[in-house]
Amino acid sequence: AWVYGVITNHGGGVAVSSQPGAGTSVRV
């Protein structure tokens, strides 16, 4: 939630994709 606030306050966005057992990708 804090990460989301920081990035959006900079005019950006955060996208997250994930699959159980296959890992997670966070794109700022």
mmCIF file of all heavy atoms, coordinates in Angstrom:
data_MODEL
# 
_entry.id   MODEL 
# 
loop_
_atom_site.group_PDB 
_atom_site.id 
_atom_site.type_symbol 
_atom_site.label_atom_id 
_atom_site.label_alt_id 
_atom_site.label_comp_id 
_atom_site.label_asym_id 
_atom_site.label_entity_id 
_atom_site.label_seq_id 
_atom_site.pdbx_PDB_ins_code 
_atom_site.Cartn_x 
_atom_site.Cartn_y 
_atom_site.Cartn_z 
_atom_site.occupancy 
_atom_site.B_iso_or_equiv 
_atom_site.pdbx_formal_charge 
_atom_site.auth_seq_id 
_atom_site.auth_comp_id 
_atom_site.auth_asym_id 
_atom_site.auth_atom_id 
_atom_site.pdbx_PDB_model_num 
ATOM 1   N N   . ALA A 1 1  ? 0.846  -1.196  0.000   1.00 0.00 ? 1  ALA A N   1 
ATOM 2   C CA  . ALA A 1 1  ? 0.000  0.000   0.000   1.00 0.00 ? 1  ALA A CA  1 
ATOM 3   C C   . ALA A 1 1  ? 0.883  1.249   0.000   1.00 0.00 ? 1  ALA A C   1 
ATOM 4   O O   . ALA A 1 1  ? 0.603  2.238   -0.690  1.00 0.00 ? 1  ALA A O   1 
ATOM 5   C CB  . ALA A 1 1  ? -0.927 -0.004  1.218   1.00 0.00 ? 1  ALA A CB  1 
ATOM 6   N N   . TRP A 1 2  ? 1.974  1.197   0.774   1.00 0.00 ? 2  TRP A N   1 
ATOM 7   C CA  . TRP A 1 2  ? 2.910  2.328   0.826   1.00 0.00 ? 2  TRP A CA  1 
ATOM 8   C C   . TRP A 1 2  ? 3.607  2.480   -0.526  1.00 0.00 ? 2  TRP A C   1 
ATOM 9   O O   . TRP A 1 2  ? 3.772  3.600   -1.026  1.00 0.00 ? 2  TRP A O   1 
ATOM 10  C CB  . TRP A 1 2  ? 3.929  2.092   1.938   1.00 0.00 ? 2  TRP A CB  1 
ATOM 11  C CG  . TRP A 1 2  ? 4.813  3.263   2.206   1.00 0.00 ? 2  TRP A CG  1 
ATOM 12  C CD1 . TRP A 1 2  ? 4.564  4.324   3.034   1.00 0.00 ? 2  TRP A CD1 1 
ATOM 13  C CD2 . TRP A 1 2  ? 6.105  3.500   1.642   1.00 0.00 ? 2  TRP A CD2 1 
ATOM 14  N NE1 . TRP A 1 2  ? 5.612  5.206   3.009   1.00 0.00 ? 2  TRP A NE1 1 
ATOM 15  C CE2 . TRP A 1 2  ? 6.575  4.727   2.165   1.00 0.00 ? 2  TRP A CE2 1 
ATOM 16  C CE3 . TRP A 1 2  ? 6.909  2.809   0.743   1.00 0.00 ? 2  TRP A CE3 1 
ATOM 17  C CZ2 . TRP A 1 2  ? 7.813  5.260   1.827   1.00 0.00 ? 2  TRP A CZ2 1 
ATOM 18  C CZ3 . TRP A 1 2  ? 8.140  3.340   0.400   1.00 0.00 ? 2  TRP A CZ3 1 
ATOM 19  C CH2 . TRP A 1 2  ? 8.580  4.540   0.938   1.00 0.00 ? 2  TRP A CH2 1 
ATOM 20  N N   . VAL A 1 3  ? 4.026  1.349   -1.128  1.00 0.00 ? 3  VAL A N   1 
ATOM 21  C CA  . VAL A 1 3  ? 4.665  1.390   -2.447  1.00 0.00 ? 3  VAL A CA  1 
ATOM 22  C C   . VAL A 1 3  ? 3.719  2.031   -3.461  1.00 0.00 ? 3  VAL A C   1 
ATOM 23  O O   . VAL A 1 3  ? 4.124  2.900   -4.241  1.00 0.00 ? 3  VAL A O   1 
ATOM 24  C CB  . VAL A 1 3  ? 5.049  -0.036  -2.898  1.00 0.00 ? 3  VAL A CB  1 
ATOM 25  C CG1 . VAL A 1 3  ? 5.459  -0.040  -4.370  1.00 0.00 ? 3  VAL A CG1 1 
ATOM 26  C CG2 . VAL A 1 3  ? 6.184  -0.581  -2.047  1.00 0.00 ? 3  VAL A CG2 1 
ATOM 27  N N   . TYR A 1 4  ? 2.460  1.589   -3.447  1.00 0.00 ? 4  TYR A N   1 
ATOM 28  C CA  . TYR A 1 4  ? 1.465  2.128   -4.380  1.00 0.00 ? 4  TYR A CA  1 
ATOM 29  C C   . TYR A 1 4  ? 1.328  3.646   -4.204  1.00 0.00 ? 4  TYR A C   1 
ATOM 30  O O   . TYR A 1 4  ? 1.274  4.395   -5.190  1.00 0.00 ? 4  TYR A O   1 
ATOM 31  C CB  . TYR A 1 4  ? 0.121  1.445   -4.157  1.00 0.00 ? 4  TYR A CB  1 
ATOM 32  C CG  . TYR A 1 4  ? -0.972 1.892   -5.105  1.00 0.00 ? 4  TYR A CG  1 
ATOM 33  C CD1 . TYR A 1 4  ? -1.070 1.338   -6.380  1.00 0.00 ? 4  TYR A CD1 1 
ATOM 34  C CD2 . TYR A 1 4  ? -1.887 2.869   -4.728  1.00 0.00 ? 4  TYR A CD2 1 
ATOM 35  C CE1 . TYR A 1 4  ? -2.063 1.742   -7.260  1.00 0.00 ? 4  TYR A CE1 1 
ATOM 36  C CE2 . TYR A 1 4  ? -2.881 3.286   -5.606  1.00 0.00 ? 4  TYR A CE2 1 
ATOM 37  C CZ  . TYR A 1 4  ? -2.964 2.721   -6.857  1.00 0.00 ? 4  TYR A CZ  1 
ATOM 38  O OH  . TYR A 1 4  ? -3.943 3.140   -7.725  1.00 0.00 ? 4  TYR A OH  1 
ATOM 39  N N   . GLY A 1 5  ? 1.301  4.113   -2.950  1.00 0.00 ? 5  GLY A N   1 
ATOM 40  C CA  . GLY A 1 5  ? 1.176  5.544   -2.692  1.00 0.00 ? 5  GLY A CA  1 
ATOM 41  C C   . GLY A 1 5  ? 2.365  6.323   -3.207  1.00 0.00 ? 5  GLY A C   1 
ATOM 42  O O   . GLY A 1 5  ? 2.216  7.391   -3.809  1.00 0.00 ? 5  GLY A O   1 
ATOM 43  N N   . VAL A 1 6  ? 3.573  5.799   -2.984  1.00 0.00 ? 6  VAL A N   1 
ATOM 44  C CA  . VAL A 1 6  ? 4.789  6.483   -3.441  1.00 0.00 ? 6  VAL A CA  1 
ATOM 45  C C   . VAL A 1 6  ? 4.803  6.592   -4.963  1.00 0.00 ? 6  VAL A C   1 
ATOM 46  O O   . VAL A 1 6  ? 5.059  7.668   -5.527  1.00 0.00 ? 6  VAL A O   1 
ATOM 47  C CB  . VAL A 1 6  ? 6.053  5.739   -2.942  1.00 0.00 ? 6  VAL A CB  1 
ATOM 48  C CG1 . VAL A 1 6  ? 7.307  6.283   -3.645  1.00 0.00 ? 6  VAL A CG1 1 
ATOM 49  C CG2 . VAL A 1 6  ? 6.193  5.891   -1.440  1.00 0.00 ? 6  VAL A CG2 1 
ATOM 50  N N   . ILE A 1 7  ? 4.534  5.474   -5.644  1.00 0.00 ? 7  ILE A N   1 
ATOM 51  C CA  . ILE A 1 7  ? 4.613  5.459   -7.110  1.00 0.00 ? 7  ILE A CA  1 
ATOM 52  C C   . ILE A 1 7  ? 3.536  6.355   -7.725  1.00 0.00 ? 7  ILE A C   1 
ATOM 53  O O   . ILE A 1 7  ? 3.809  7.124   -8.661  1.00 0.00 ? 7  ILE A O   1 
ATOM 54  C CB  . ILE A 1 7  ? 4.480  4.021   -7.651  1.00 0.00 ? 7  ILE A CB  1 
ATOM 55  C CG1 . ILE A 1 7  ? 5.578  3.125   -7.068  1.00 0.00 ? 7  ILE A CG1 1 
ATOM 56  C CG2 . ILE A 1 7  ? 4.550  4.028   -9.177  1.00 0.00 ? 7  ILE A CG2 1 
ATOM 57  C CD1 . ILE A 1 7  ? 6.983  3.606   -7.295  1.00 0.00 ? 7  ILE A CD1 1 
ATOM 58  N N   . THR A 1 8  ? 2.307  6.268   -7.230  1.00 0.00 ? 8  THR A N   1 
ATOM 59  C CA  . THR A 1 8  ? 1.242  7.108   -7.800  1.00 0.00 ? 8  THR A CA  1 
ATOM 60  C C   . THR A 1 8  ? 1.466  8.580   -7.502  1.00 0.00 ? 8  THR A C   1 
ATOM 61  O O   . THR A 1 8  ? 1.103  9.437   -8.308  1.00 0.00 ? 8  THR A O   1 
ATOM 62  C CB  . THR A 1 8  ? -0.133 6.666   -7.274  1.00 0.00 ? 8  THR A CB  1 
ATOM 63  O OG1 . THR A 1 8  ? -0.131 6.657   -5.832  1.00 0.00 ? 8  THR A OG1 1 
ATOM 64  C CG2 . THR A 1 8  ? -0.481 5.283   -7.784  1.00 0.00 ? 8  THR A CG2 1 
ATOM 65  N N   . ASN A 1 9  ? 2.074  8.912   -6.350  1.00 0.00 ? 9  ASN A N   1 
ATOM 66  C CA  . ASN A 1 9  ? 2.406  10.306  -6.055  1.00 0.00 ? 9  ASN A CA  1 
ATOM 67  C C   . ASN A 1 9  ? 3.476  10.840  -7.003  1.00 0.00 ? 9  ASN A C   1 
ATOM 68  O O   . ASN A 1 9  ? 3.631  12.052  -7.148  1.00 0.00 ? 9  ASN A O   1 
ATOM 69  C CB  . ASN A 1 9  ? 2.876  10.456  -4.607  1.00 0.00 ? 9  ASN A CB  1 
ATOM 70  C CG  . ASN A 1 9  ? 1.728  10.428  -3.627  1.00 0.00 ? 9  ASN A CG  1 
ATOM 71  O OD1 . ASN A 1 9  ? 0.578  10.613  -4.011  1.00 0.00 ? 9  ASN A OD1 1 
ATOM 72  N ND2 . ASN A 1 9  ? 2.033  10.188  -2.358  1.00 0.00 ? 9  ASN A ND2 1 
ATOM 73  N N   . HIS A 1 10 ? 4.223  9.943   -7.633  1.00 0.00 ? 10 HIS A N   1 
ATOM 74  C CA  . HIS A 1 10 ? 5.207  10.334  -8.643  1.00 0.00 ? 10 HIS A CA  1 
ATOM 75  C C   . HIS A 1 10 ? 4.592  10.359  -10.042 1.00 0.00 ? 10 HIS A C   1 
ATOM 76  O O   . HIS A 1 10 ? 5.308  10.524  -11.028 1.00 0.00 ? 10 HIS A O   1 
ATOM 77  C CB  . HIS A 1 10 ? 6.394  9.368   -8.637  1.00 0.00 ? 10 HIS A CB  1 
ATOM 78  C CG  . HIS A 1 10 ? 7.385  9.611   -7.529  1.00 0.00 ? 10 HIS A CG  1 
ATOM 79  N ND1 . HIS A 1 10 ? 7.132  9.281   -6.209  1.00 0.00 ? 10 HIS A ND1 1 
ATOM 80  C CD2 . HIS A 1 10 ? 8.625  10.174  -7.545  1.00 0.00 ? 10 HIS A CD2 1 
ATOM 81  C CE1 . HIS A 1 10 ? 8.179  9.601   -5.478  1.00 0.00 ? 10 HIS A CE1 1 
ATOM 82  N NE2 . HIS A 1 10 ? 9.097  10.153  -6.260  1.00 0.00 ? 10 HIS A NE2 1 
ATOM 83  N N   . GLY A 1 11 ? 3.284  10.141  -10.133 1.00 0.00 ? 11 GLY A N   1 
ATOM 84  C CA  . GLY A 1 11 ? 2.630  10.141  -11.435 1.00 0.00 ? 11 GLY A CA  1 
ATOM 85  C C   . GLY A 1 11 ? 2.720  8.827   -12.168 1.00 0.00 ? 11 GLY A C   1 
ATOM 86  O O   . GLY A 1 11 ? 2.423  8.755   -13.370 1.00 0.00 ? 11 GLY A O   1 
ATOM 87  N N   . GLY A 1 12 ? 3.138  7.754   -11.481 1.00 0.00 ? 12 GLY A N   1 
ATOM 88  C CA  . GLY A 1 12 ? 3.316  6.463   -12.133 1.00 0.00 ? 12 GLY A CA  1 
ATOM 89  C C   . GLY A 1 12 ? 2.270  5.453   -11.728 1.00 0.00 ? 12 GLY A C   1 
ATOM 90  O O   . GLY A 1 12 ? 1.211  5.795   -11.198 1.00 0.00 ? 12 GLY A O   1 
ATOM 91  N N   . GLY A 1 13 ? 2.567  4.184   -11.968 1.00 0.00 ? 13 GLY A N   1 
ATOM 92  C CA  . GLY A 1 13 ? 1.643  3.112   -11.645 1.00 0.00 ? 13 GLY A CA  1 
ATOM 93  C C   . GLY A 1 13 ? 2.386  1.828   -11.362 1.00 0.00 ? 13 GLY A C   1 
ATOM 94  O O   . GLY A 1 13 ? 3.562  1.669   -11.726 1.00 0.00 ? 13 GLY A O   1 
ATOM 95  N N   . VAL A 1 14 ? 1.699  0.884   -10.696 1.00 0.00 ? 14 VAL A N   1 
ATOM 96  C CA  . VAL A 1 14 ? 2.285  -0.409  -10.344 1.00 0.00 ? 14 VAL A CA  1 
ATOM 97  C C   . VAL A 1 14 ? 1.376  -1.522  -10.857 1.00 0.00 ? 14 VAL A C   1 
ATOM 98  O O   . VAL A 1 14 ? 0.181  -1.543  -10.543 1.00 0.00 ? 14 VAL A O   1 
ATOM 99  C CB  . VAL A 1 14 ? 2.446  -0.569  -8.819  1.00 0.00 ? 14 VAL A CB  1 
ATOM 100 C CG1 . VAL A 1 14 ? 3.218  -1.845  -8.501  1.00 0.00 ? 14 VAL A CG1 1 
ATOM 101 C CG2 . VAL A 1 14 ? 3.143  0.640   -8.208  1.00 0.00 ? 14 VAL A CG2 1 
ATOM 102 N N   . ALA A 1 15 ? 1.930  -2.425  -11.648 1.00 0.00 ? 15 ALA A N   1 
ATOM 103 C CA  . ALA A 1 15 ? 1.179  -3.578  -12.162 1.00 0.00 ? 15 ALA A CA  1 
ATOM 104 C C   . ALA A 1 15 ? 1.803  -4.854  -11.616 1.00 0.00 ? 15 ALA A C   1 
ATOM 105 O O   . ALA A 1 15 ? 3.034  -4.980  -11.565 1.00 0.00 ? 15 ALA A O   1 
ATOM 106 C CB  . ALA A 1 15 ? 1.202  -3.591  -13.686 1.00 0.00 ? 15 ALA A CB  1 
ATOM 107 N N   . VAL A 1 16 ? 0.953  -5.794  -11.188 1.00 0.00 ? 16 VAL A N   1 
ATOM 108 C CA  . VAL A 1 16 ? 1.442  -7.049  -10.616 1.00 0.00 ? 16 VAL A CA  1 
ATOM 109 C C   . VAL A 1 16 ? 0.754  -8.217  -11.314 1.00 0.00 ? 16 VAL A C   1 
ATOM 110 O O   . VAL A 1 16 ? -0.474 -8.233  -11.457 1.00 0.00 ? 16 VAL A O   1 
ATOM 111 C CB  . VAL A 1 16 ? 1.166  -7.131  -9.100  1.00 0.00 ? 16 VAL A CB  1 
ATOM 112 C CG1 . VAL A 1 16 ? 1.682  -8.453  -8.543  1.00 0.00 ? 16 VAL A CG1 1 
ATOM 113 C CG2 . VAL A 1 16 ? 1.818  -5.963  -8.370  1.00 0.00 ? 16 VAL A CG2 1 
ATOM 114 N N   . SER A 1 17 ? 1.559  -9.165  -11.752 1.00 0.00 ? 17 SER A N   1 
ATOM 115 C CA  . SER A 1 17 ? 1.014  -10.404 -12.309 1.00 0.00 ? 17 SER A CA  1 
ATOM 116 C C   . SER A 1 17 ? 1.669  -11.576 -11.584 1.00 0.00 ? 17 SER A C   1 
ATOM 117 O O   . SER A 1 17 ? 2.846  -11.507 -11.212 1.00 0.00 ? 17 SER A O   1 
ATOM 118 C CB  . SER A 1 17 ? 1.274  -10.489 -13.817 1.00 0.00 ? 17 SER A CB  1 
ATOM 119 O OG  . SER A 1 17 ? 2.645  -10.365 -14.104 1.00 0.00 ? 17 SER A OG  1 
ATOM 120 N N   . SER A 1 18 ? 0.886  -12.631 -11.362 1.00 0.00 ? 18 SER A N   1 
ATOM 121 C CA  . SER A 1 18 ? 1.423  -13.758 -10.602 1.00 0.00 ? 18 SER A CA  1 
ATOM 122 C C   . SER A 1 18 ? 0.615  -15.021 -10.873 1.00 0.00 ? 18 SER A C   1 
ATOM 123 O O   . SER A 1 18 ? -0.584 -14.951 -11.191 1.00 0.00 ? 18 SER A O   1 
ATOM 124 C CB  . SER A 1 18 ? 1.380  -13.432 -9.101  1.00 0.00 ? 18 SER A CB  1 
ATOM 125 O OG  . SER A 1 18 ? 1.921  -14.483 -8.330  1.00 0.00 ? 18 SER A OG  1 
ATOM 126 N N   . GLN A 1 19 ? 1.287  -16.156 -10.733 1.00 0.00 ? 19 GLN A N   1 
ATOM 127 C CA  . GLN A 1 19 ? 0.635  -17.459 -10.827 1.00 0.00 ? 19 GLN A CA  1 
ATOM 128 C C   . GLN A 1 19 ? 1.132  -18.322 -9.676  1.00 0.00 ? 19 GLN A C   1 
ATOM 129 O O   . GLN A 1 19 ? 2.344  -18.385 -9.426  1.00 0.00 ? 19 GLN A O   1 
ATOM 130 C CB  . GLN A 1 19 ? 0.949  -18.141 -12.163 1.00 0.00 ? 19 GLN A CB  1 
ATOM 131 C CG  . GLN A 1 19 ? 0.302  -17.488 -13.371 1.00 0.00 ? 19 GLN A CG  1 
ATOM 132 C CD  . GLN A 1 19 ? 0.563  -18.277 -14.640 1.00 0.00 ? 19 GLN A CD  1 
ATOM 133 O OE1 . GLN A 1 19 ? 1.310  -19.253 -14.640 1.00 0.00 ? 19 GLN A OE1 1 
ATOM 134 N NE2 . GLN A 1 19 ? -0.072 -17.882 -15.727 1.00 0.00 ? 19 GLN A NE2 1 
ATOM 135 N N   . PRO A 1 20 ? 0.242  -18.956 -8.951  1.00 0.00 ? 20 PRO A N   1 
ATOM 136 C CA  . PRO A 1 20 ? 0.667  -19.827 -7.845  1.00 0.00 ? 20 PRO A CA  1 
ATOM 137 C C   . PRO A 1 20 ? 1.681  -20.858 -8.302  1.00 0.00 ? 20 PRO A C   1 
ATOM 138 O O   . PRO A 1 20 ? 1.473  -21.548 -9.302  1.00 0.00 ? 20 PRO A O   1 
ATOM 139 C CB  . PRO A 1 20 ? -0.641 -20.485 -7.388  1.00 0.00 ? 20 PRO A CB  1 
ATOM 140 C CG  . PRO A 1 20 ? -1.710 -19.514 -7.786  1.00 0.00 ? 20 PRO A CG  1 
ATOM 141 C CD  . PRO A 1 20 ? -1.230 -18.915 -9.079  1.00 0.00 ? 20 PRO A CD  1 
ATOM 142 N N   . GLY A 1 21 ? 2.795  -20.917 -7.617  1.00 0.00 ? 21 GLY A N   1 
ATOM 143 C CA  . GLY A 1 21 ? 3.838  -21.880 -7.939  1.00 0.00 ? 21 GLY A CA  1 
ATOM 144 C C   . GLY A 1 21 ? 4.753  -21.476 -9.069  1.00 0.00 ? 21 GLY A C   1 
ATOM 145 O O   . GLY A 1 21 ? 5.747  -22.158 -9.340  1.00 0.00 ? 21 GLY A O   1 
ATOM 146 N N   . ALA A 1 22 ? 4.461  -20.350 -9.738  1.00 0.00 ? 22 ALA A N   1 
ATOM 147 C CA  . ALA A 1 22 ? 5.270  -19.940 -10.905 1.00 0.00 ? 22 ALA A CA  1 
ATOM 148 C C   . ALA A 1 22 ? 5.918  -18.577 -10.725 1.00 0.00 ? 22 ALA A C   1 
ATOM 149 O O   . ALA A 1 22 ? 6.597  -18.097 -11.626 1.00 0.00 ? 22 ALA A O   1 
ATOM 150 C CB  . ALA A 1 22 ? 4.410  -19.948 -12.161 1.00 0.00 ? 22 ALA A CB  1 
ATOM 151 N N   . GLY A 1 23 ? 5.696  -17.921 -9.590  1.00 0.00 ? 23 GLY A N   1 
ATOM 152 C CA  . GLY A 1 23 ? 6.375  -16.658 -9.335  1.00 0.00 ? 23 GLY A CA  1 
ATOM 153 C C   . GLY A 1 23 ? 5.513  -15.428 -9.531  1.00 0.00 ? 23 GLY A C   1 
ATOM 154 O O   . GLY A 1 23 ? 4.339  -15.509 -9.922  1.00 0.00 ? 23 GLY A O   1 
ATOM 155 N N   . THR A 1 24 ? 6.122  -14.280 -9.277  1.00 0.00 ? 24 THR A N   1 
ATOM 156 C CA  . THR A 1 24 ? 5.428  -12.991 -9.323  1.00 0.00 ? 24 THR A CA  1 
ATOM 157 C C   . THR A 1 24 ? 6.283  -11.956 -10.046 1.00 0.00 ? 24 THR A C   1 
ATOM 158 O O   . THR A 1 24 ? 7.510  -11.963 -9.927  1.00 0.00 ? 24 THR A O   1 
ATOM 159 C CB  . THR A 1 24 ? 5.125  -12.488 -7.895  1.00 0.00 ? 24 THR A CB  1 
ATOM 160 O OG1 . THR A 1 24 ? 4.313  -13.448 -7.222  1.00 0.00 ? 24 THR A OG1 1 
ATOM 161 C CG2 . THR A 1 24 ? 4.409  -11.146 -7.912  1.00 0.00 ? 24 THR A CG2 1 
ATOM 162 N N   . SER A 1 25 ? 5.621  -11.081 -10.776 1.00 0.00 ? 25 SER A N   1 
ATOM 163 C CA  . SER A 1 25 ? 6.305  -9.973  -11.457 1.00 0.00 ? 25 SER A CA  1 
ATOM 164 C C   . SER A 1 25 ? 5.648  -8.662  -11.056 1.00 0.00 ? 25 SER A C   1 
ATOM 165 O O   . SER A 1 25 ? 4.426  -8.526  -11.174 1.00 0.00 ? 25 SER A O   1 
ATOM 166 C CB  . SER A 1 25 ? 6.252  -10.143 -12.977 1.00 0.00 ? 25 SER A CB  1 
ATOM 167 O OG  . SER A 1 25 ? 6.772  -8.996  -13.628 1.00 0.00 ? 25 SER A OG  1 
ATOM 168 N N   . VAL A 1 26 ? 6.455  -7.718  -10.556 1.00 0.00 ? 26 VAL A N   1 
ATOM 169 C CA  . VAL A 1 26 ? 5.974  -6.383  -10.200 1.00 0.00 ? 26 VAL A CA  1 
ATOM 170 C C   . VAL A 1 26 ? 6.611  -5.393  -11.161 1.00 0.00 ? 26 VAL A C   1 
ATOM 171 O O   . VAL A 1 26 ? 7.843  -5.324  -11.276 1.00 0.00 ? 26 VAL A O   1 
ATOM 172 C CB  . VAL A 1 26 ? 6.342  -6.017  -8.751  1.00 0.00 ? 26 VAL A CB  1 
ATOM 173 C CG1 . VAL A 1 26 ? 5.840  -4.609  -8.414  1.00 0.00 ? 26 VAL A CG1 1 
ATOM 174 C CG2 . VAL A 1 26 ? 5.765  -7.032  -7.774  1.00 0.00 ? 26 VAL A CG2 1 
ATOM 175 N N   . ARG A 1 27 ? 5.766  -4.619  -11.867 1.00 0.00 ? 27 ARG A N   1 
ATOM 176 C CA  . ARG A 1 27 ? 6.267  -3.650  -12.841 1.00 0.00 ? 27 ARG A CA  1 
ATOM 177 C C   . ARG A 1 27 ? 5.895  -2.242  -12.400 1.00 0.00 ? 27 ARG A C   1 
ATOM 178 O O   . ARG A 1 27 ? 4.697  -1.929  -12.237 1.00 0.00 ? 27 ARG A O   1 
ATOM 179 C CB  . ARG A 1 27 ? 5.695  -3.958  -14.237 1.00 0.00 ? 27 ARG A CB  1 
ATOM 180 C CG  . ARG A 1 27 ? 6.176  -5.286  -14.779 1.00 0.00 ? 27 ARG A CG  1 
ATOM 181 C CD  . ARG A 1 27 ? 5.511  -5.656  -16.102 1.00 0.00 ? 27 ARG A CD  1 
ATOM 182 N NE  . ARG A 1 27 ? 4.068  -5.864  -15.970 1.00 0.00 ? 27 ARG A NE  1 
ATOM 183 C CZ  . ARG A 1 27 ? 3.503  -6.945  -15.436 1.00 0.00 ? 27 ARG A CZ  1 
ATOM 184 N NH1 . ARG A 1 27 ? 4.255  -7.935  -14.969 1.00 0.00 ? 27 ARG A NH1 1 
ATOM 185 N NH2 . ARG A 1 27 ? 2.180  -7.059  -15.358 1.00 0.00 ? 27 ARG A NH2 1 
ATOM 186 N N   . VAL A 1 28 ? 6.918  -1.434  -12.202 1.00 0.00 ? 28 VAL A N   1 
ATOM 187 C CA  . VAL A 1 28 ? 6.736  -0.032  -11.799 1.00 0.00 ? 28 VAL A CA  1 
ATOM 188 C C   . VAL A 1 28 ? 6.954  0.845   -13.028 1.00 0.00 ? 28 VAL A C   1 
ATOM 189 O O   . VAL A 1 28 ? 8.002  0.764   -13.685 1.00 0.00 ? 28 VAL A O   1 
ATOM 190 C CB  . VAL A 1 28 ? 7.737  0.357   -10.689 1.00 0.00 ? 28 VAL A CB  1 
ATOM 191 C CG1 . VAL A 1 28 ? 7.675  1.857   -10.414 1.00 0.00 ? 28 VAL A CG1 1 
ATOM 192 C CG2 . VAL A 1 28 ? 7.451  -0.436  -9.424  1.00 0.00 ? 28 VAL A CG2 1 
# 
